[in-house]
N, C-alpha and C. Protein backbone atom coordinates (compact mmCIF):
# COMPACT_ATOMS: atom_id res chain seq x y z
N MET A 1 345.58 110.79 16.89
CA MET A 1 344.75 109.67 17.26
C MET A 1 344.51 109.71 18.76
N ARG A 2 343.27 109.50 19.16
CA ARG A 2 342.92 109.47 20.58
C ARG A 2 343.14 108.07 21.12
N LYS A 3 343.48 108.00 22.39
CA LYS A 3 343.70 106.71 23.04
C LYS A 3 342.60 106.45 24.05
N LEU A 4 342.07 105.24 24.01
CA LEU A 4 341.04 104.80 24.93
C LEU A 4 341.52 103.50 25.55
N SER A 5 341.76 103.50 26.85
CA SER A 5 342.27 102.29 27.49
C SER A 5 341.33 101.84 28.60
N VAL A 6 341.23 100.53 28.74
CA VAL A 6 340.35 99.91 29.73
C VAL A 6 341.22 99.07 30.66
N CYS A 7 341.04 99.23 31.96
CA CYS A 7 341.77 98.44 32.93
C CYS A 7 341.28 97.00 32.89
N VAL A 8 342.20 96.06 32.87
CA VAL A 8 341.84 94.64 32.90
C VAL A 8 342.50 93.95 34.09
N GLY A 9 342.84 94.71 35.12
CA GLY A 9 343.36 94.12 36.35
C GLY A 9 342.29 93.25 36.99
N SER A 10 342.64 92.54 38.01
CA SER A 10 341.74 91.55 38.63
C SER A 10 340.38 92.12 39.00
N SER A 11 340.36 93.24 39.69
CA SER A 11 339.11 93.83 40.14
C SER A 11 338.24 94.26 38.96
N CYS A 12 338.83 94.96 38.00
CA CYS A 12 338.07 95.42 36.84
C CYS A 12 337.63 94.24 35.96
N HIS A 13 338.48 93.24 35.87
CA HIS A 13 338.10 92.04 35.10
C HIS A 13 336.82 91.44 35.67
N LEU A 14 336.74 91.33 36.99
CA LEU A 14 335.56 90.76 37.63
C LEU A 14 334.33 91.66 37.47
N LYS A 15 334.55 92.94 37.25
CA LYS A 15 333.43 93.89 37.11
C LYS A 15 332.99 94.08 35.67
N GLY A 16 333.60 93.32 34.73
CA GLY A 16 333.12 93.37 33.34
C GLY A 16 333.99 94.13 32.36
N ALA A 17 335.28 94.24 32.62
CA ALA A 17 336.16 94.99 31.72
C ALA A 17 336.12 94.46 30.29
N TYR A 18 336.10 93.14 30.14
CA TYR A 18 336.11 92.59 28.78
C TYR A 18 334.80 92.87 28.05
N ASP A 19 333.70 92.92 28.77
CA ASP A 19 332.42 93.30 28.14
C ASP A 19 332.48 94.75 27.66
N ILE A 20 333.08 95.61 28.46
CA ILE A 20 333.21 97.02 28.09
C ILE A 20 334.12 97.17 26.87
N ILE A 21 335.20 96.40 26.82
CA ILE A 21 336.07 96.43 25.64
C ILE A 21 335.29 96.03 24.40
N LYS A 22 334.49 94.98 24.49
CA LYS A 22 333.68 94.53 23.34
C LYS A 22 332.70 95.62 22.91
N ILE A 23 332.09 96.30 23.87
CA ILE A 23 331.16 97.40 23.55
C ILE A 23 331.91 98.52 22.83
N PHE A 24 333.08 98.89 23.34
CA PHE A 24 333.86 99.96 22.70
C PHE A 24 334.32 99.53 21.30
N GLU A 25 334.74 98.28 21.14
CA GLU A 25 335.12 97.79 19.81
C GLU A 25 333.96 97.92 18.83
N LYS A 26 332.79 97.54 19.28
CA LYS A 26 331.58 97.62 18.43
C LYS A 26 331.27 99.08 18.07
N MET A 27 331.34 99.97 19.06
CA MET A 27 331.04 101.38 18.81
C MET A 27 332.06 102.00 17.85
N ILE A 28 333.33 101.65 18.01
CA ILE A 28 334.37 102.17 17.12
C ILE A 28 334.11 101.72 15.69
N LYS A 29 333.79 100.45 15.53
CA LYS A 29 333.54 99.90 14.19
C LYS A 29 332.27 100.49 13.58
N GLU A 30 331.18 100.53 14.34
CA GLU A 30 329.91 101.05 13.83
C GLU A 30 330.02 102.50 13.39
N ASN A 31 330.86 103.27 14.07
CA ASN A 31 331.00 104.69 13.76
C ASN A 31 332.22 105.01 12.91
N LYS A 32 332.85 103.93 12.39
CA LYS A 32 333.99 104.07 11.49
C LYS A 32 335.09 104.97 12.07
N LEU A 33 335.45 104.67 13.32
CA LEU A 33 336.45 105.47 14.02
C LEU A 33 337.76 104.73 14.21
N GLU A 34 337.98 103.67 13.44
CA GLU A 34 339.19 102.85 13.58
C GLU A 34 340.47 103.66 13.39
N ASP A 35 340.43 104.68 12.55
CA ASP A 35 341.62 105.51 12.30
C ASP A 35 341.74 106.68 13.28
N GLU A 36 340.75 106.82 14.17
CA GLU A 36 340.75 107.94 15.10
C GLU A 36 340.92 107.55 16.56
N ILE A 37 340.58 106.29 16.90
CA ILE A 37 340.64 105.85 18.29
C ILE A 37 341.46 104.58 18.39
N GLU A 38 342.45 104.59 19.25
CA GLU A 38 343.26 103.40 19.54
C GLU A 38 342.76 102.82 20.86
N LEU A 39 342.17 101.65 20.82
CA LEU A 39 341.64 100.98 22.00
C LEU A 39 342.68 100.01 22.53
N SER A 40 342.94 100.07 23.83
CA SER A 40 343.92 99.17 24.43
C SER A 40 343.48 98.78 25.84
N ALA A 41 344.18 97.79 26.38
CA ALA A 41 343.96 97.35 27.76
C ALA A 41 345.19 97.72 28.58
N GLU A 42 344.98 97.96 29.85
CA GLU A 42 346.12 98.20 30.74
C GLU A 42 345.84 97.55 32.08
N PHE A 43 346.90 97.27 32.80
CA PHE A 43 346.76 96.59 34.08
C PHE A 43 346.77 97.56 35.24
N CYS A 44 345.77 97.48 36.04
CA CYS A 44 345.55 98.20 37.29
C CYS A 44 345.83 99.71 37.22
N CYS A 45 344.74 100.44 37.27
CA CYS A 45 344.80 101.90 37.29
C CYS A 45 344.77 102.41 38.73
N GLY A 46 344.73 101.50 39.70
CA GLY A 46 344.72 101.89 41.11
C GLY A 46 343.39 102.45 41.58
N ASN A 47 342.32 102.07 40.92
CA ASN A 47 340.99 102.57 41.23
C ASN A 47 340.07 101.39 41.53
N CYS A 48 340.60 100.42 42.25
CA CYS A 48 339.98 99.09 42.38
C CYS A 48 338.64 99.04 43.12
N THR A 49 338.32 100.02 43.91
CA THR A 49 337.06 99.99 44.65
C THR A 49 335.89 100.54 43.83
N ARG A 50 336.17 101.08 42.68
CA ARG A 50 335.16 101.69 41.81
C ARG A 50 334.83 100.75 40.67
N PRO A 51 333.85 101.10 39.82
CA PRO A 51 333.61 100.30 38.61
C PRO A 51 334.85 100.28 37.70
N VAL A 52 334.75 99.68 36.56
CA VAL A 52 335.88 99.51 35.64
C VAL A 52 336.50 100.87 35.29
N SER A 53 337.82 100.93 35.38
CA SER A 53 338.55 102.17 35.07
C SER A 53 338.80 102.27 33.58
N VAL A 54 338.50 103.44 33.03
CA VAL A 54 338.70 103.73 31.62
C VAL A 54 339.41 105.07 31.53
N LYS A 55 340.45 105.14 30.71
CA LYS A 55 341.18 106.38 30.52
C LYS A 55 341.08 106.84 29.07
N ILE A 56 341.03 108.15 28.90
CA ILE A 56 341.07 108.76 27.57
C ILE A 56 342.36 109.57 27.50
N ASP A 57 343.15 109.29 26.48
CA ASP A 57 344.41 110.01 26.27
C ASP A 57 345.28 110.04 27.52
N ASN A 58 345.32 108.94 28.25
CA ASN A 58 346.15 108.78 29.46
C ASN A 58 345.80 109.77 30.57
N GLY A 59 344.59 110.28 30.56
CA GLY A 59 344.14 111.19 31.62
C GLY A 59 343.72 110.43 32.87
N ASP A 60 343.04 111.12 33.75
CA ASP A 60 342.53 110.50 34.96
C ASP A 60 341.49 109.44 34.60
N PRO A 61 341.40 108.38 35.41
CA PRO A 61 340.45 107.32 35.08
C PRO A 61 339.00 107.71 35.35
N PHE A 62 338.13 107.26 34.47
CA PHE A 62 336.69 107.35 34.65
C PHE A 62 336.23 105.98 35.16
N SER A 63 335.13 105.94 35.87
CA SER A 63 334.56 104.68 36.31
C SER A 63 333.37 104.37 35.41
N VAL A 64 333.42 103.22 34.73
CA VAL A 64 332.40 102.87 33.74
C VAL A 64 331.83 101.49 34.06
N THR A 65 330.51 101.38 33.98
CA THR A 65 329.85 100.08 34.15
C THR A 65 329.46 99.54 32.78
N ARG A 66 329.13 98.25 32.73
CA ARG A 66 328.64 97.66 31.47
C ARG A 66 327.44 98.45 30.96
N GLU A 67 326.53 98.76 31.87
CA GLU A 67 325.29 99.46 31.49
C GLU A 67 325.55 100.88 31.01
N GLY A 68 326.62 101.50 31.48
CA GLY A 68 326.90 102.88 31.11
C GLY A 68 327.93 103.04 29.99
N ALA A 69 328.44 101.92 29.47
CA ALA A 69 329.52 102.00 28.48
C ALA A 69 329.09 102.69 27.18
N TYR A 70 327.89 102.41 26.69
CA TYR A 70 327.42 103.05 25.45
C TYR A 70 327.31 104.56 25.64
N ASP A 71 326.70 104.98 26.74
CA ASP A 71 326.54 106.41 27.00
C ASP A 71 327.89 107.10 27.18
N PHE A 72 328.82 106.43 27.87
CA PHE A 72 330.16 106.98 28.05
C PHE A 72 330.82 107.22 26.70
N PHE A 73 330.77 106.23 25.83
CA PHE A 73 331.39 106.35 24.51
C PHE A 73 330.74 107.47 23.71
N LYS A 74 329.42 107.51 23.71
CA LYS A 74 328.71 108.56 22.97
C LYS A 74 329.11 109.94 23.48
N LYS A 75 329.14 110.10 24.78
CA LYS A 75 329.45 111.41 25.37
C LYS A 75 330.86 111.87 25.03
N HIS A 76 331.82 110.96 25.09
CA HIS A 76 333.21 111.38 24.93
C HIS A 76 333.76 111.29 23.52
N PHE A 77 333.08 110.56 22.63
CA PHE A 77 333.63 110.40 21.30
C PHE A 77 332.68 110.76 20.16
N LEU A 78 331.40 110.84 20.44
CA LEU A 78 330.46 111.14 19.35
C LEU A 78 329.81 112.52 19.50
N GLU A 79 329.78 113.06 20.69
CA GLU A 79 329.10 114.34 20.93
C GLU A 79 330.06 115.50 21.12
N GLU A 80 331.33 115.27 20.84
CA GLU A 80 332.31 116.34 21.06
C GLU A 80 332.25 117.41 20.00
């Protein structure tokens, strides 16, 4: 199972972390990936000056915006 985590620390929260979580939840459900992707939240990835931090399989954080969340998910989970 792959892990997808979204930072919900103060800075990321203000930049739309919860909106990104909702987008990822929707994409997981629409693509029937509930048994393949574990979505979680984590506190502060130490990337506070960038957009919302998102990690895949505990790797280095990616910076994701609300507007780019759909494309990010498609690129990393649907086009592999």
